[in-house]
């Protein structure tokens, strides 16, 4: 699924940012956590949509 792949890519970029700019580590972690939640929600919506239960 494209959205989940994009979310994983964003999380990877945030981790790289935290390494490159240590003062942004906390903000990057917060954003990565939010993106993980969003990714799970999108995956669940996709599953429901494909099953016809939506």
Foldseek 3Di string as FASTA:
>chain_A
DVLLVVLVVLLVVLVVVCVVPVVCVVVSVVVNVVSVVVSVVVVVVVVCVVVVVD
